[in-house]
Amino acid sequence: MDLLQHRDDPLDLLATDDELPDYEPATAPEYTIGDTHIPLHTYYLRQTDRRHQLFVPYGPSASSSFRVASRSARLFSKKADTDIWRIKPGKTAEEHMCSIWFDNNGPLPWCPRAHFSYKYGLEFSTHAMESRNFSDWSIVLGGWNCMWMLEGYPQYRMVLRQRSSDEVIARFNFSAKGTAALGGAEAGDLSIYRHVLTLGPGNMDGMVEKMLCGLVVALANFRKMGKYHKSMQSKSMVVDVDG
């Protein structure tokens, strides 16, 4: 027998109209670019009075509510200027989540500065913030340099973004009454969007809550300065992040 004799390839025996079976496409990413415009969490900010606010979740999200209480300024007091409590769904007991202090003894040139301590379960962290232009507040989130920024007149808002990106991470829209609202009226609404910071590994709820704490710092400072922002339609704060 000729060792070089041709042998048929088994695949050659398939009929010409036979096709290989279809395969499922690769699993799609968890979210698309369009999804970044759909809020992951939405909260309405209700203002009981100038010192007490409540962030109430809206929609199908099982997010917690957050109660904010501010103190009047007192010399030599070591108590926090503002405290935030977490109220989980289905529970009546409150969990202390955050304490905020405004720092008046920072380096020159002087600008508004603050820091807050955050607690979630066994996690405890401290975050410094400052506002060099007296309206936008820097904060480090997930190792990225971020900024809550005041935007837009007459439709004011606060927005959170990466410094190197126009993508909005979170937005707070001021209502028509804004932070001058009283009696439980709506001061604005906060939307948290799908982003690597809000969908990344680890404590996603914790990251969202830290964003909310940073927003509370900015809003509290506006009140300290006598600025009660409002909008005929909306106003927001932005967070910028350096990658």
Protein backbone atom coordinates (compact mmCIF):
# COMPACT_ATOMS: atom_id res chain seq x y z
CA MET A 1 0.00 0.00 0.00
CA ASP A 2 1.21 3.45 -0.88
CA LEU A 3 1.93 5.26 2.44
CA LEU A 4 1.25 8.55 0.67
CA GLN A 5 -2.20 7.40 -0.39
CA HIS A 6 -4.72 10.21 0.13
CA ARG A 7 -7.11 9.75 3.02
CA ASP A 8 -10.41 11.55 3.12
CA ASP A 9 -10.81 14.16 5.80
CA PRO A 10 -13.95 13.29 7.79
CA LEU A 11 -15.08 16.91 7.45
CA ASP A 12 -15.02 16.48 3.66
CA LEU A 13 -17.74 13.83 3.98
CA LEU A 14 -20.27 16.42 5.21
CA ALA A 15 -22.91 17.45 2.71
CA THR A 16 -22.24 20.78 1.10
CA ASP A 17 -25.40 22.32 2.51
CA ASP A 18 -24.62 21.25 6.06
CA GLU A 19 -23.67 24.05 8.44
CA LEU A 20 -21.92 24.03 11.73
CA PRO A 21 -24.24 24.72 14.67
CA ASP A 22 -24.73 28.30 15.77
CA TYR A 23 -23.04 29.45 18.94
CA GLU A 24 -24.41 31.92 21.43
CA PRO A 25 -22.68 35.29 21.24
CA ALA A 26 -20.37 36.27 24.03
CA THR A 27 -22.13 37.39 27.17
CA ALA A 28 -22.98 41.06 26.92
CA PRO A 29 -21.52 43.57 29.37
CA GLU A 30 -23.53 44.19 32.49
CA TYR A 31 -24.68 47.54 31.13
CA THR A 32 -24.52 49.46 27.88
CA ILE A 33 -23.64 53.08 27.24
CA GLY A 34 -27.32 53.93 27.05
CA ASP A 35 -27.87 52.48 30.51
CA THR A 36 -25.58 55.12 32.00
CA HIS A 37 -28.45 57.59 31.53
CA ILE A 38 -30.82 55.40 33.58
CA PRO A 39 -30.56 56.05 37.34
CA LEU A 40 -29.39 53.14 39.45
CA HIS A 41 -30.84 54.84 42.54
CA THR A 42 -33.10 57.87 42.91
CA TYR A 43 -33.80 59.77 46.13
CA TYR A 44 -36.08 62.70 46.92
CA LEU A 45 -34.72 65.15 49.48
CA ARG A 46 -37.46 66.27 51.87
CA GLN A 47 -36.65 69.20 54.11
CA THR A 48 -38.45 69.34 57.46
CA ASP A 49 -36.67 72.55 58.49
CA ARG A 50 -33.30 74.22 57.95
CA ARG A 51 -31.51 71.62 60.09
CA HIS A 52 -33.32 68.38 59.26
CA GLN A 53 -33.59 66.60 55.92
CA LEU A 54 -34.61 63.14 54.74
CA PHE A 55 -33.45 61.34 51.58
CA VAL A 56 -36.31 59.04 50.53
CA PRO A 57 -35.72 56.33 47.86
CA TYR A 58 -37.97 56.32 44.82
CA GLY A 59 -38.92 53.46 42.50
CA PRO A 60 -38.28 49.69 42.76
CA SER A 61 -34.88 50.12 44.39
CA ALA A 62 -34.62 48.59 47.87
CA SER A 63 -32.36 51.43 48.97
CA SER A 64 -32.24 52.75 52.49
CA SER A 65 -33.56 56.14 53.56
CA PHE A 66 -31.17 58.66 55.13
CA ARG A 67 -31.91 61.20 57.85
CA VAL A 68 -29.70 64.29 58.07
CA ALA A 69 -29.46 66.47 61.18
CA SER A 70 -27.30 69.61 61.49
CA ARG A 71 -26.28 71.49 64.63
CA SER A 72 -25.89 75.19 65.14
CA ALA A 73 -22.28 76.35 65.34
CA ARG A 74 -20.83 76.28 68.85
CA LEU A 75 -17.38 77.43 69.88
CA PHE A 76 -15.07 74.72 71.25
CA SER A 77 -17.66 71.98 70.62
CA LYS A 78 -16.20 68.64 69.52
CA LYS A 79 -19.54 67.38 68.25
CA ALA A 80 -19.99 66.93 64.53
CA ASP A 81 -21.63 69.75 62.57
CA THR A 82 -23.90 67.26 60.79
CA ASP A 83 -24.84 63.62 61.33
CA ILE A 84 -26.48 61.16 58.94
CA TRP A 85 -28.47 58.07 59.92
CA ARG A 86 -29.30 55.10 57.71
CA ILE A 87 -32.81 53.58 57.81
CA LYS A 88 -32.88 50.20 56.06
CA PRO A 89 -36.03 48.89 54.31
CA GLY A 90 -38.38 47.07 56.66
CA LYS A 91 -36.59 48.31 59.78
CA THR A 92 -37.50 51.10 62.15
CA ALA A 93 -34.17 51.32 63.98
CA GLU A 94 -31.71 53.88 62.66
CA GLU A 95 -27.99 53.20 62.12
CA HIS A 96 -25.53 56.05 62.54
CA MET A 97 -23.74 56.25 59.20
CA CYS A 98 -21.75 59.48 58.98
CA SER A 99 -20.47 62.47 60.96
CA ILE A 100 -19.39 65.67 59.20
CA TRP A 101 -17.05 68.37 60.53
CA PHE A 102 -16.18 71.67 58.85
CA ASP A 103 -12.50 72.52 59.27
CA ASN A 104 -11.68 76.19 59.85
CA ASN A 105 -7.97 75.85 60.63
CA GLY A 106 -6.65 74.63 57.30
CA PRO A 107 -3.60 75.96 55.41
CA LEU A 108 -3.54 79.19 53.46
CA PRO A 109 -5.00 80.28 51.15
CA TRP A 110 -8.18 79.71 53.13
CA CYS A 111 -11.13 77.96 51.54
CA PRO A 112 -14.05 75.90 52.87
CA ARG A 113 -12.83 72.49 54.04
CA ALA A 114 -14.56 69.57 55.70
CA HIS A 115 -14.13 65.89 56.46
CA PHE A 116 -16.56 63.12 57.23
CA SER A 117 -16.25 59.76 58.94
CA TYR A 118 -18.25 56.95 57.35
CA LYS A 119 -19.34 53.62 58.81
CA TYR A 120 -20.92 50.59 57.13
CA GLY A 121 -20.83 47.37 59.13
CA LEU A 122 -17.17 46.79 59.97
CA GLU A 123 -15.99 49.35 57.41
CA PHE A 124 -14.81 52.70 58.74
CA SER A 125 -13.20 55.44 56.65
CA THR A 126 -12.52 59.18 56.75
CA HIS A 127 -12.77 61.44 53.70
CA ALA A 128 -11.41 64.99 53.34
CA MET A 129 -13.10 67.56 51.10
CA GLU A 130 -12.38 71.15 50.09
CA SER A 131 -13.91 73.86 47.92
CA ARG A 132 -11.28 76.14 46.42
CA ASN A 133 -13.83 78.16 44.43
CA PHE A 134 -16.45 78.14 47.24
CA SER A 135 -18.95 76.12 45.18
CA ASP A 136 -17.33 72.89 43.90
CA TRP A 137 -16.14 70.23 46.37
CA SER A 138 -13.29 67.78 45.77
CA ILE A 139 -13.42 64.27 47.23
CA VAL A 140 -11.52 61.00 46.68
CA LEU A 141 -13.79 58.03 45.94
CA GLY A 142 -12.45 54.58 45.20
CA GLY A 143 -8.95 56.01 44.79
CA TRP A 144 -10.12 58.57 42.21
CA ASN A 145 -10.05 62.34 42.64
CA CYS A 146 -13.64 63.48 42.25
CA MET A 147 -15.61 66.71 42.37
CA TRP A 148 -19.16 67.65 43.31
CA MET A 149 -19.74 70.68 41.08
CA LEU A 150 -22.42 73.36 41.00
CA GLU A 151 -23.84 73.86 37.51
CA GLY A 152 -26.32 75.84 35.51
CA TYR A 153 -28.30 79.03 35.91
CA PRO A 154 -31.28 79.29 36.22
CA GLN A 155 -31.67 75.48 36.36
CA TYR A 156 -29.24 74.79 39.17
CA ARG A 157 -27.89 71.34 39.97
CA MET A 158 -24.94 69.52 41.51
CA VAL A 159 -23.13 66.92 39.40
CA LEU A 160 -20.48 64.29 40.16
CA ARG A 161 -17.97 63.37 37.40
CA GLN A 162 -14.47 62.15 36.70
CA ARG A 163 -12.21 65.10 36.02
CA SER A 164 -11.09 63.45 32.82
CA SER A 165 -14.61 62.55 31.70
CA ASP A 166 -17.92 64.22 30.93
CA GLU A 167 -19.80 61.14 32.15
CA VAL A 168 -22.16 61.98 35.00
CA ILE A 169 -21.84 59.69 38.02
CA ALA A 170 -24.51 61.40 40.13
CA ARG A 171 -26.74 64.45 39.84
CA PHE A 172 -28.74 66.46 42.37
CA ASN A 173 -31.46 68.64 40.85
CA PHE A 174 -32.70 71.50 43.00
CA SER A 175 -36.47 71.90 43.13
CA ALA A 176 -38.37 75.16 42.61
CA LYS A 177 -38.10 75.81 46.36
CA GLY A 178 -34.64 74.29 46.65
CA THR A 179 -32.91 74.21 50.01
CA ALA A 180 -35.23 76.97 51.24
CA ALA A 181 -38.04 74.39 51.35
CA LEU A 182 -39.70 73.76 54.72
CA GLY A 183 -42.42 71.58 56.24
CA GLY A 184 -41.36 68.40 54.47
CA ALA A 185 -41.42 69.97 51.00
CA GLU A 186 -39.10 68.63 48.33
CA ALA A 187 -35.72 70.38 48.15
CA GLY A 188 -34.53 68.34 45.17
CA ASP A 189 -33.82 64.87 43.85
CA LEU A 190 -30.62 62.84 43.69
CA SER A 191 -29.91 60.31 40.93
CA ILE A 192 -27.00 57.85 41.08
CA TYR A 193 -26.08 56.42 37.67
CA ARG A 194 -24.44 53.20 36.49
CA HIS A 195 -20.68 53.71 36.61
CA VAL A 196 -17.59 51.72 37.51
CA LEU A 197 -17.71 53.35 40.95
CA THR A 198 -21.31 52.31 41.58
CA LEU A 199 -21.15 48.87 39.93
CA GLY A 200 -17.60 47.83 40.76
CA PRO A 201 -16.59 44.99 43.09
CA GLY A 202 -16.90 45.41 46.82
CA ASN A 203 -19.37 47.43 48.83
CA MET A 204 -21.44 49.16 46.15
CA ASP A 205 -23.97 50.44 48.67
CA GLY A 206 -21.10 51.98 50.61
CA MET A 207 -19.82 53.86 47.57
CA VAL A 208 -23.27 55.26 46.83
CA GLU A 209 -23.62 56.36 50.45
CA LYS A 210 -20.24 58.11 50.38
CA MET A 211 -21.39 60.05 47.31
CA LEU A 212 -24.49 61.08 49.23
CA CYS A 213 -22.36 62.16 52.22
CA GLY A 214 -20.23 64.32 49.93
CA LEU A 215 -23.36 65.97 48.56
CA VAL A 216 -24.59 66.69 52.09
CA VAL A 217 -21.27 68.47 52.81
CA ALA A 218 -21.75 70.76 49.82
CA LEU A 219 -25.41 71.51 50.62
CA ALA A 220 -24.62 72.18 54.29
CA ASN A 221 -21.87 74.63 53.33
CA PHE A 222 -24.23 76.54 51.04
CA ARG A 223 -26.55 76.98 54.01
CA LYS A 224 -23.63 78.14 56.18
CA MET A 225 -22.87 80.77 53.52
CA GLY A 226 -26.52 81.85 53.38
CA LYS A 227 -26.98 80.50 49.85
CA TYR A 228 -30.30 78.70 49.32
CA HIS A 229 -30.19 77.50 45.74
CA LYS A 230 -33.40 76.79 43.89
CA SER A 231 -34.45 76.30 40.30
CA MET A 232 -37.52 76.91 38.20
CA GLN A 233 -37.01 73.34 37.03
CA SER A 234 -33.89 71.75 38.55
CA LYS A 235 -30.34 72.24 39.84
CA SER A 236 -27.54 69.72 40.33
CA MET A 237 -24.12 68.91 41.78
CA VAL A 238 -21.37 67.12 39.83
CA VAL A 239 -18.52 64.84 40.96
CA ASP A 240 -15.37 64.85 38.81
CA VAL A 241 -12.88 62.00 39.05
CA ASP A 242 -9.26 61.82 37.95
CA GLY A 243 -8.47 58.35 36.66
